[in-house]
N, C-alpha and C. Protein backbone atom coordinates (compact mmCIF):
# COMPACT_ATOMS: atom_id res chain seq x y z
N MET A 1 10.34 9.77 22.64
CA MET A 1 10.09 8.45 23.20
C MET A 1 11.40 7.67 23.18
N ASN A 2 11.77 7.10 24.29
CA ASN A 2 13.00 6.32 24.36
C ASN A 2 12.65 4.85 24.40
N TRP A 3 12.45 4.25 23.27
CA TRP A 3 12.03 2.85 23.19
C TRP A 3 13.14 1.93 22.73
N CYS A 4 14.25 2.49 22.32
CA CYS A 4 15.34 1.67 21.80
C CYS A 4 16.62 2.03 22.55
N ALA A 5 17.02 1.17 23.48
CA ALA A 5 18.21 1.45 24.28
C ALA A 5 19.40 1.72 23.37
N GLY A 6 20.04 2.85 23.58
CA GLY A 6 21.20 3.20 22.79
C GLY A 6 20.88 3.68 21.38
N GLY A 7 19.60 3.79 21.04
CA GLY A 7 19.22 4.22 19.70
C GLY A 7 19.38 5.72 19.53
N ASP A 8 19.45 6.15 18.30
CA ASP A 8 19.56 7.56 17.98
C ASP A 8 18.20 8.22 18.17
N LYS A 9 18.15 9.28 18.97
CA LYS A 9 16.88 9.94 19.29
C LYS A 9 16.20 10.47 18.03
N LEU A 10 16.97 11.06 17.13
CA LEU A 10 16.38 11.59 15.90
C LEU A 10 15.74 10.48 15.08
N ASP A 11 16.44 9.35 14.93
CA ASP A 11 15.88 8.23 14.17
C ASP A 11 14.60 7.71 14.83
N GLN A 12 14.57 7.69 16.15
CA GLN A 12 13.37 7.24 16.85
C GLN A 12 12.21 8.21 16.63
N GLU A 13 12.51 9.52 16.64
CA GLU A 13 11.47 10.51 16.40
C GLU A 13 10.95 10.42 14.96
N ILE A 14 11.84 10.17 14.01
CA ILE A 14 11.42 9.98 12.61
C ILE A 14 10.51 8.77 12.52
N PHE A 15 10.91 7.67 13.15
CA PHE A 15 10.08 6.46 13.13
C PHE A 15 8.70 6.74 13.71
N ASP A 16 8.65 7.42 14.85
CA ASP A 16 7.37 7.75 15.48
C ASP A 16 6.52 8.63 14.57
N ALA A 17 7.15 9.63 13.93
CA ALA A 17 6.41 10.53 13.05
C ALA A 17 5.87 9.78 11.83
N ILE A 18 6.67 8.89 11.26
CA ILE A 18 6.21 8.11 10.11
C ILE A 18 5.06 7.20 10.52
N THR A 19 5.17 6.58 11.69
CA THR A 19 4.10 5.72 12.19
C THR A 19 2.81 6.50 12.35
N GLU A 20 2.90 7.70 12.92
CA GLU A 20 1.71 8.55 13.09
C GLU A 20 1.14 8.96 11.72
N PHE A 21 2.03 9.33 10.80
CA PHE A 21 1.62 9.75 9.46
C PHE A 21 0.88 8.62 8.74
N VAL A 22 1.45 7.42 8.78
CA VAL A 22 0.82 6.26 8.12
C VAL A 22 -0.53 5.95 8.76
N SER A 23 -0.62 6.07 10.08
CA SER A 23 -1.90 5.84 10.77
C SER A 23 -2.97 6.81 10.29
N HIS A 24 -2.58 8.08 10.13
CA HIS A 24 -3.53 9.07 9.62
C HIS A 24 -3.97 8.71 8.20
N LEU A 25 -3.02 8.32 7.35
CA LEU A 25 -3.36 7.96 5.97
C LEU A 25 -4.29 6.76 5.93
N MET A 26 -4.04 5.78 6.79
CA MET A 26 -4.89 4.59 6.82
C MET A 26 -6.31 4.96 7.25
N ARG A 27 -6.44 5.85 8.21
CA ARG A 27 -7.79 6.28 8.63
C ARG A 27 -8.50 7.00 7.48
N ARG A 28 -7.75 7.82 6.74
CA ARG A 28 -8.36 8.51 5.60
C ARG A 28 -8.80 7.49 4.54
N GLY A 29 -7.99 6.48 4.32
CA GLY A 29 -8.36 5.43 3.38
C GLY A 29 -9.62 4.71 3.83
N ASP A 30 -9.71 4.43 5.12
CA ASP A 30 -10.91 3.78 5.67
C ASP A 30 -12.14 4.66 5.49
N GLN A 31 -11.98 5.98 5.67
CA GLN A 31 -13.10 6.91 5.47
C GLN A 31 -13.59 6.87 4.03
N LEU A 32 -12.64 6.88 3.08
CA LEU A 32 -13.03 6.80 1.67
C LEU A 32 -13.69 5.46 1.36
N SER A 33 -13.16 4.41 1.95
CA SER A 33 -13.73 3.08 1.75
C SER A 33 -15.19 3.06 2.19
N GLN A 34 -15.46 3.66 3.33
CA GLN A 34 -16.84 3.72 3.82
C GLN A 34 -17.71 4.60 2.93
N ARG A 35 -17.15 5.71 2.48
CA ARG A 35 -17.92 6.63 1.63
C ARG A 35 -18.38 5.95 0.35
N TYR A 36 -17.50 5.14 -0.25
CA TYR A 36 -17.82 4.50 -1.53
C TYR A 36 -18.31 3.07 -1.37
N GLY A 37 -18.28 2.55 -0.14
CA GLY A 37 -18.75 1.20 0.11
C GLY A 37 -17.90 0.14 -0.56
N VAL A 38 -16.62 0.44 -0.72
CA VAL A 38 -15.69 -0.47 -1.39
C VAL A 38 -14.47 -0.64 -0.48
N PRO A 39 -14.02 -1.87 -0.24
CA PRO A 39 -12.83 -2.07 0.60
C PRO A 39 -11.61 -1.34 0.06
N VAL A 40 -10.70 -0.98 0.95
CA VAL A 40 -9.48 -0.27 0.56
C VAL A 40 -8.71 -1.05 -0.50
N SER A 41 -8.64 -2.37 -0.37
CA SER A 41 -7.91 -3.17 -1.36
C SER A 41 -8.52 -3.04 -2.75
N ALA A 42 -9.84 -2.92 -2.82
CA ALA A 42 -10.50 -2.75 -4.11
C ALA A 42 -10.24 -1.35 -4.66
N MET A 43 -10.17 -0.35 -3.77
CA MET A 43 -9.85 1.01 -4.24
C MET A 43 -8.43 1.05 -4.78
N LYS A 44 -7.53 0.30 -4.15
CA LYS A 44 -6.15 0.22 -4.64
C LYS A 44 -6.13 -0.38 -6.05
N ALA A 45 -6.95 -1.39 -6.28
CA ALA A 45 -7.03 -2.02 -7.60
C ALA A 45 -7.61 -1.04 -8.63
N LEU A 46 -8.60 -0.25 -8.23
CA LEU A 46 -9.18 0.74 -9.15
C LEU A 46 -8.10 1.65 -9.72
N ARG A 47 -7.15 2.07 -8.87
CA ARG A 47 -6.08 2.97 -9.32
C ARG A 47 -5.26 2.35 -10.44
N ARG A 48 -5.17 1.03 -10.47
CA ARG A 48 -4.32 0.35 -11.44
C ARG A 48 -5.08 -0.07 -12.70
N LEU A 49 -6.37 0.18 -12.72
CA LEU A 49 -7.19 -0.25 -13.86
C LEU A 49 -7.56 0.95 -14.73
N ASP A 50 -6.84 1.11 -15.82
CA ASP A 50 -7.22 2.10 -16.83
C ASP A 50 -7.81 1.34 -18.01
N ALA A 51 -7.00 0.48 -18.57
CA ALA A 51 -7.44 -0.42 -19.64
C ALA A 51 -7.59 -1.81 -19.03
N PRO A 52 -8.26 -2.73 -19.72
CA PRO A 52 -8.36 -4.09 -19.19
C PRO A 52 -6.97 -4.67 -18.89
N VAL A 53 -6.85 -5.32 -17.74
CA VAL A 53 -5.57 -5.85 -17.27
C VAL A 53 -5.74 -7.33 -16.91
N PRO A 54 -4.81 -8.19 -17.36
CA PRO A 54 -4.87 -9.58 -16.90
C PRO A 54 -4.82 -9.62 -15.37
N MET A 55 -5.66 -10.47 -14.79
CA MET A 55 -5.74 -10.52 -13.33
C MET A 55 -4.39 -10.85 -12.71
N LYS A 56 -3.61 -11.70 -13.36
CA LYS A 56 -2.28 -12.04 -12.85
C LYS A 56 -1.40 -10.80 -12.78
N ASP A 57 -1.44 -9.96 -13.83
CA ASP A 57 -0.64 -8.73 -13.85
C ASP A 57 -1.09 -7.76 -12.76
N LEU A 58 -2.40 -7.68 -12.55
CA LEU A 58 -2.92 -6.82 -11.49
C LEU A 58 -2.38 -7.27 -10.14
N GLY A 59 -2.41 -8.57 -9.91
CA GLY A 59 -1.89 -9.11 -8.65
C GLY A 59 -0.42 -8.78 -8.46
N GLN A 60 0.36 -8.92 -9.53
CA GLN A 60 1.79 -8.61 -9.42
C GLN A 60 2.01 -7.13 -9.13
N SER A 61 1.24 -6.25 -9.76
CA SER A 61 1.43 -4.82 -9.53
C SER A 61 0.99 -4.41 -8.13
N MET A 62 0.10 -5.20 -7.54
CA MET A 62 -0.36 -4.91 -6.17
C MET A 62 0.42 -5.70 -5.12
N GLY A 63 1.25 -6.63 -5.58
CA GLY A 63 2.03 -7.44 -4.65
C GLY A 63 1.18 -8.42 -3.87
N CYS A 64 0.19 -9.02 -4.53
CA CYS A 64 -0.67 -9.98 -3.82
C CYS A 64 -0.84 -11.26 -4.63
N ASP A 65 -1.29 -12.30 -3.95
CA ASP A 65 -1.41 -13.60 -4.61
C ASP A 65 -2.71 -13.71 -5.40
N PRO A 66 -2.79 -14.71 -6.29
CA PRO A 66 -3.96 -14.84 -7.17
C PRO A 66 -5.30 -14.95 -6.44
N SER A 67 -5.33 -15.63 -5.30
CA SER A 67 -6.62 -15.77 -4.60
C SER A 67 -7.12 -14.42 -4.10
N PHE A 68 -6.20 -13.53 -3.72
CA PHE A 68 -6.61 -12.21 -3.26
C PHE A 68 -7.12 -11.38 -4.44
N VAL A 69 -6.49 -11.53 -5.60
CA VAL A 69 -6.96 -10.82 -6.80
C VAL A 69 -8.36 -11.29 -7.16
N THR A 70 -8.62 -12.58 -7.01
CA THR A 70 -9.96 -13.12 -7.27
C THR A 70 -10.97 -12.47 -6.33
N MET A 71 -10.61 -12.32 -5.06
CA MET A 71 -11.50 -11.68 -4.09
C MET A 71 -11.76 -10.23 -4.48
N ILE A 72 -10.72 -9.52 -4.90
CA ILE A 72 -10.88 -8.13 -5.32
C ILE A 72 -11.78 -8.06 -6.55
N ALA A 73 -11.57 -8.95 -7.51
CA ALA A 73 -12.42 -8.98 -8.71
C ALA A 73 -13.87 -9.25 -8.33
N ASP A 74 -14.08 -10.16 -7.39
CA ASP A 74 -15.44 -10.45 -6.92
C ASP A 74 -16.10 -9.20 -6.34
N VAL A 75 -15.35 -8.47 -5.52
CA VAL A 75 -15.88 -7.25 -4.88
C VAL A 75 -16.20 -6.20 -5.94
N LEU A 76 -15.28 -5.98 -6.87
CA LEU A 76 -15.50 -4.97 -7.91
C LEU A 76 -16.70 -5.34 -8.78
N GLU A 77 -16.84 -6.63 -9.11
CA GLU A 77 -18.00 -7.07 -9.89
C GLU A 77 -19.29 -6.89 -9.10
N LYS A 78 -19.26 -7.26 -7.83
CA LYS A 78 -20.45 -7.15 -6.98
C LYS A 78 -20.95 -5.71 -6.92
N HIS A 79 -20.02 -4.75 -6.94
CA HIS A 79 -20.39 -3.34 -6.88
C HIS A 79 -20.62 -2.73 -8.26
N GLY A 80 -20.54 -3.55 -9.30
CA GLY A 80 -20.77 -3.06 -10.66
C GLY A 80 -19.65 -2.17 -11.18
N LEU A 81 -18.44 -2.34 -10.63
CA LEU A 81 -17.33 -1.47 -11.00
C LEU A 81 -16.41 -2.09 -12.05
N ALA A 82 -16.45 -3.41 -12.18
CA ALA A 82 -15.57 -4.10 -13.14
C ALA A 82 -16.22 -5.39 -13.59
N THR A 83 -15.72 -5.89 -14.71
CA THR A 83 -16.15 -7.20 -15.22
C THR A 83 -14.91 -7.99 -15.59
N ARG A 84 -15.07 -9.31 -15.58
CA ARG A 84 -14.01 -10.19 -16.08
C ARG A 84 -14.33 -10.51 -17.53
N GLU A 85 -13.31 -10.45 -18.34
CA GLU A 85 -13.52 -10.75 -19.76
C GLU A 85 -12.32 -11.53 -20.28
N PRO A 86 -12.53 -12.35 -21.30
CA PRO A 86 -11.41 -13.11 -21.85
C PRO A 86 -10.37 -12.17 -22.46
N ASN A 87 -9.11 -12.53 -22.29
CA ASN A 87 -8.03 -11.77 -22.90
C ASN A 87 -8.01 -12.11 -24.39
N PRO A 88 -8.03 -11.10 -25.27
CA PRO A 88 -8.07 -11.39 -26.71
C PRO A 88 -6.87 -12.18 -27.21
N ALA A 89 -5.72 -12.05 -26.56
CA ALA A 89 -4.51 -12.76 -27.00
C ALA A 89 -4.46 -14.19 -26.48
N ASP A 90 -5.16 -14.46 -25.37
CA ASP A 90 -5.13 -15.80 -24.77
C ASP A 90 -6.42 -15.98 -23.97
N ARG A 91 -7.36 -16.71 -24.54
CA ARG A 91 -8.69 -16.83 -23.93
C ARG A 91 -8.66 -17.55 -22.58
N ARG A 92 -7.54 -18.19 -22.24
CA ARG A 92 -7.43 -18.82 -20.91
C ARG A 92 -7.20 -17.77 -19.83
N VAL A 93 -6.74 -16.60 -20.24
CA VAL A 93 -6.43 -15.51 -19.31
C VAL A 93 -7.65 -14.61 -19.18
N LYS A 94 -7.96 -14.22 -17.95
CA LYS A 94 -9.07 -13.30 -17.70
C LYS A 94 -8.53 -11.90 -17.42
N ASN A 95 -9.10 -10.93 -18.14
CA ASN A 95 -8.79 -9.53 -17.88
C ASN A 95 -9.83 -8.97 -16.93
N LEU A 96 -9.42 -8.02 -16.13
CA LEU A 96 -10.36 -7.26 -15.31
C LEU A 96 -10.49 -5.90 -15.96
N ALA A 97 -11.72 -5.52 -16.29
CA ALA A 97 -11.97 -4.27 -17.00
C ALA A 97 -13.00 -3.45 -16.24
N LEU A 98 -12.75 -2.15 -16.13
CA LEU A 98 -13.70 -1.27 -15.46
C LEU A 98 -14.95 -1.08 -16.30
N THR A 99 -16.08 -1.00 -15.62
CA THR A 99 -17.34 -0.64 -16.27
C THR A 99 -17.38 0.89 -16.34
N ASP A 100 -18.40 1.43 -17.00
CA ASP A 100 -18.56 2.89 -17.01
C ASP A 100 -18.65 3.42 -15.58
N ARG A 101 -19.44 2.73 -14.76
CA ARG A 101 -19.56 3.14 -13.35
C ARG A 101 -18.21 3.03 -12.65
N GLY A 102 -17.44 2.01 -12.98
CA GLY A 102 -16.11 1.84 -12.40
C GLY A 102 -15.20 3.01 -12.72
N HIS A 103 -15.25 3.48 -13.97
CA HIS A 103 -14.44 4.65 -14.36
C HIS A 103 -14.88 5.88 -13.58
N GLN A 104 -16.20 6.05 -13.39
CA GLN A 104 -16.71 7.20 -12.63
C GLN A 104 -16.26 7.14 -11.17
N VAL A 105 -16.39 5.97 -10.55
CA VAL A 105 -16.00 5.82 -9.15
C VAL A 105 -14.49 6.00 -9.01
N LYS A 106 -13.74 5.44 -9.96
CA LYS A 106 -12.28 5.60 -9.93
C LYS A 106 -11.90 7.08 -9.94
N ALA A 107 -12.50 7.85 -10.84
CA ALA A 107 -12.19 9.29 -10.93
C ALA A 107 -12.55 10.00 -9.63
N ALA A 108 -13.70 9.67 -9.06
CA ALA A 108 -14.12 10.30 -7.80
C ALA A 108 -13.20 9.93 -6.65
N VAL A 109 -12.83 8.65 -6.57
CA VAL A 109 -11.93 8.19 -5.51
C VAL A 109 -10.58 8.88 -5.63
N GLU A 110 -10.06 8.96 -6.85
CA GLU A 110 -8.75 9.60 -7.04
C GLU A 110 -8.81 11.08 -6.67
N GLN A 111 -9.88 11.76 -7.05
CA GLN A 111 -10.01 13.17 -6.72
C GLN A 111 -10.12 13.35 -5.20
N ASP A 112 -10.96 12.54 -4.57
CA ASP A 112 -11.11 12.62 -3.11
C ASP A 112 -9.82 12.24 -2.39
N THR A 113 -9.13 11.23 -2.89
CA THR A 113 -7.89 10.79 -2.26
C THR A 113 -6.86 11.92 -2.27
N LEU A 114 -6.65 12.51 -3.42
CA LEU A 114 -5.68 13.60 -3.49
C LEU A 114 -6.10 14.79 -2.65
N GLY A 115 -7.39 15.06 -2.59
CA GLY A 115 -7.88 16.17 -1.77
C GLY A 115 -7.68 15.95 -0.29
N LEU A 116 -7.61 14.70 0.13
CA LEU A 116 -7.42 14.39 1.55
C LEU A 116 -5.96 14.27 1.96
N MET A 117 -5.06 14.26 1.01
CA MET A 117 -3.65 14.07 1.35
C MET A 117 -3.06 15.35 1.91
N PRO A 118 -2.38 15.26 3.05
CA PRO A 118 -1.89 16.46 3.73
C PRO A 118 -0.87 17.26 2.95
N TRP A 119 -0.08 16.62 2.09
CA TRP A 119 0.93 17.37 1.36
C TRP A 119 0.31 18.33 0.36
N THR A 120 -0.95 18.08 -0.05
CA THR A 120 -1.57 18.97 -1.04
C THR A 120 -1.88 20.35 -0.46
N HIS A 121 -2.05 20.43 0.85
CA HIS A 121 -2.36 21.73 1.45
C HIS A 121 -1.34 22.17 2.49
N ALA A 122 -0.51 21.25 3.02
CA ALA A 122 0.46 21.62 4.06
C ALA A 122 1.81 22.01 3.47
N LEU A 123 2.08 21.60 2.24
CA LEU A 123 3.38 21.87 1.63
C LEU A 123 3.21 22.67 0.35
N ASP A 124 4.15 23.61 0.12
CA ASP A 124 4.11 24.31 -1.16
C ASP A 124 4.76 23.41 -2.21
N ARG A 125 4.75 23.85 -3.46
CA ARG A 125 5.23 23.00 -4.55
C ARG A 125 6.68 22.56 -4.34
N SER A 126 7.54 23.48 -3.95
CA SER A 126 8.94 23.14 -3.74
C SER A 126 9.09 22.10 -2.63
N GLU A 127 8.35 22.25 -1.55
CA GLU A 127 8.39 21.27 -0.46
C GLU A 127 7.86 19.91 -0.92
N ARG A 128 6.81 19.92 -1.74
CA ARG A 128 6.28 18.65 -2.26
C ARG A 128 7.31 17.95 -3.13
N GLU A 129 8.04 18.72 -3.95
CA GLU A 129 9.08 18.13 -4.79
C GLU A 129 10.19 17.53 -3.93
N GLN A 130 10.58 18.24 -2.86
CA GLN A 130 11.60 17.71 -1.95
C GLN A 130 11.09 16.45 -1.24
N PHE A 131 9.85 16.49 -0.79
CA PHE A 131 9.24 15.35 -0.11
C PHE A 131 9.22 14.13 -1.04
N LEU A 132 8.81 14.34 -2.28
CA LEU A 132 8.78 13.25 -3.26
C LEU A 132 10.18 12.69 -3.48
N GLY A 133 11.16 13.57 -3.60
CA GLY A 133 12.54 13.11 -3.79
C GLY A 133 13.03 12.27 -2.62
N LEU A 134 12.72 12.70 -1.40
CA LEU A 134 13.12 11.94 -0.21
C LEU A 134 12.41 10.59 -0.15
N LEU A 135 11.12 10.58 -0.46
CA LEU A 135 10.38 9.31 -0.46
C LEU A 135 10.97 8.34 -1.49
N ARG A 136 11.25 8.83 -2.68
CA ARG A 136 11.81 7.96 -3.72
C ARG A 136 13.20 7.45 -3.31
N LYS A 137 13.99 8.30 -2.69
CA LYS A 137 15.32 7.89 -2.22
C LYS A 137 15.20 6.78 -1.18
N MET A 138 14.28 6.92 -0.25
CA MET A 138 14.10 5.88 0.77
C MET A 138 13.55 4.60 0.16
N CYS A 139 12.65 4.71 -0.81
CA CYS A 139 12.12 3.51 -1.47
C CYS A 139 13.22 2.78 -2.22
N ARG A 140 14.10 3.52 -2.91
CA ARG A 140 15.23 2.88 -3.60
C ARG A 140 16.13 2.16 -2.59
N SER A 141 16.35 2.79 -1.45
CA SER A 141 17.19 2.19 -0.41
C SER A 141 16.55 0.90 0.11
N LEU A 142 15.25 0.93 0.35
CA LEU A 142 14.55 -0.27 0.82
C LEU A 142 14.62 -1.38 -0.21
N ALA A 143 14.47 -1.02 -1.48
CA ALA A 143 14.48 -2.03 -2.54
C ALA A 143 15.87 -2.64 -2.73
N ALA A 144 16.92 -1.87 -2.42
CA ALA A 144 18.28 -2.33 -2.64
C ALA A 144 18.81 -3.22 -1.52
N VAL A 145 18.22 -3.11 -0.34
CA VAL A 145 18.71 -3.87 0.81
C VAL A 145 17.76 -5.03 1.07
N PRO A 146 18.29 -6.26 1.10
CA PRO A 146 17.40 -7.40 1.36
C PRO A 146 16.84 -7.32 2.78
N PRO A 147 15.63 -7.85 2.97
CA PRO A 147 15.05 -7.83 4.31
C PRO A 147 15.85 -8.73 5.24
N PRO A 148 15.76 -8.48 6.54
CA PRO A 148 16.47 -9.36 7.46
C PRO A 148 15.92 -10.77 7.37
N PRO A 149 16.74 -11.76 7.69
CA PRO A 149 16.25 -13.14 7.64
C PRO A 149 15.15 -13.36 8.67
N ASP A 150 14.33 -14.39 8.43
CA ASP A 150 13.29 -14.72 9.39
C ASP A 150 13.94 -15.04 10.73
N ARG A 151 13.26 -14.61 11.78
CA ARG A 151 13.77 -14.85 13.13
C ARG A 151 13.49 -16.28 13.57
N ASP A 152 14.41 -16.82 14.33
CA ASP A 152 14.26 -18.14 14.93
C ASP A 152 14.29 -17.95 16.44
N PRO A 153 13.10 -17.88 17.08
CA PRO A 153 13.06 -17.62 18.52
C PRO A 153 13.90 -18.60 19.33
N ALA A 154 14.12 -19.81 18.82
CA ALA A 154 14.93 -20.80 19.54
C ALA A 154 16.40 -20.38 19.58
N ARG A 155 16.79 -19.46 18.70
CA ARG A 155 18.19 -19.02 18.64
C ARG A 155 18.34 -17.59 19.16
N GLU A 156 17.43 -17.16 20.05
CA GLU A 156 17.49 -15.81 20.61
C GLU A 156 17.52 -15.88 22.13
N VAL A 157 18.02 -14.81 22.71
CA VAL A 157 18.04 -14.68 24.16
C VAL A 157 17.50 -13.29 24.49
N THR A 158 16.75 -13.19 25.59
CA THR A 158 16.21 -11.91 26.03
C THR A 158 16.95 -11.48 27.29
N SER A 159 17.47 -10.25 27.27
CA SER A 159 18.23 -9.75 28.40
C SER A 159 17.31 -9.37 29.55
N SER A 160 17.90 -9.05 30.69
CA SER A 160 17.11 -8.64 31.86
C SER A 160 16.39 -7.33 31.61
N THR A 161 16.86 -6.55 30.63
CA THR A 161 16.19 -5.28 30.31
C THR A 161 15.14 -5.45 29.23
N GLY A 162 14.95 -6.69 28.76
CA GLY A 162 13.90 -6.95 27.77
C GLY A 162 14.36 -6.88 26.33
N VAL A 163 15.66 -6.68 26.10
CA VAL A 163 16.17 -6.61 24.73
C VAL A 163 16.43 -8.03 24.23
N THR A 164 15.88 -8.35 23.05
CA THR A 164 16.07 -9.67 22.46
C THR A 164 17.16 -9.59 21.41
N ALA A 165 18.07 -10.57 21.44
CA ALA A 165 19.18 -10.59 20.48
C ALA A 165 19.45 -12.03 20.07
N PRO A 166 20.01 -12.20 18.86
CA PRO A 166 20.33 -13.56 18.42
C PRO A 166 21.48 -14.14 19.25
N VAL A 167 21.46 -15.45 19.41
CA VAL A 167 22.54 -16.16 20.09
C VAL A 167 23.68 -16.32 19.10
N ALA A 168 24.90 -16.06 19.55
CA ALA A 168 26.06 -16.22 18.66
C ALA A 168 26.23 -17.68 18.28
N SER A 169 26.61 -17.90 17.02
CA SER A 169 26.80 -19.28 16.54
C SER A 169 28.18 -19.77 16.87
């Protein structure tokens, strides 16, 4: 696909392949969500709950704000998977703790999730180790480079070919 004028064809193919790969993973996540009747965001929280965790810490580990953590806690409680309990060190803090059913669902979700991942059956052990190394390398690179600044459409121009670029200062 030639979607980036002057772009490197290999980089474009990698981008397209990653986009397709992520789309497949998201569909698999949606299938598991339907199977267990729990939103994907709540399944993500289940993975992080082994012992009781302060809700603030859970939010930080998931990269979400407190109101979203409250929504996740509500969903997990509604499904009987977790309860809120006072933190023994600071009663003002609420911990989210899995119920027995929550531990069972967590184990089933994790087993099903790993069973649905393509690397478990498409790659041998050596390839999986290489894949993991490449993923970690790219994640370190993303973490080390700051994101681009927010765009200001008032300071951009669109060419006759449809390419948008910032206006020189």
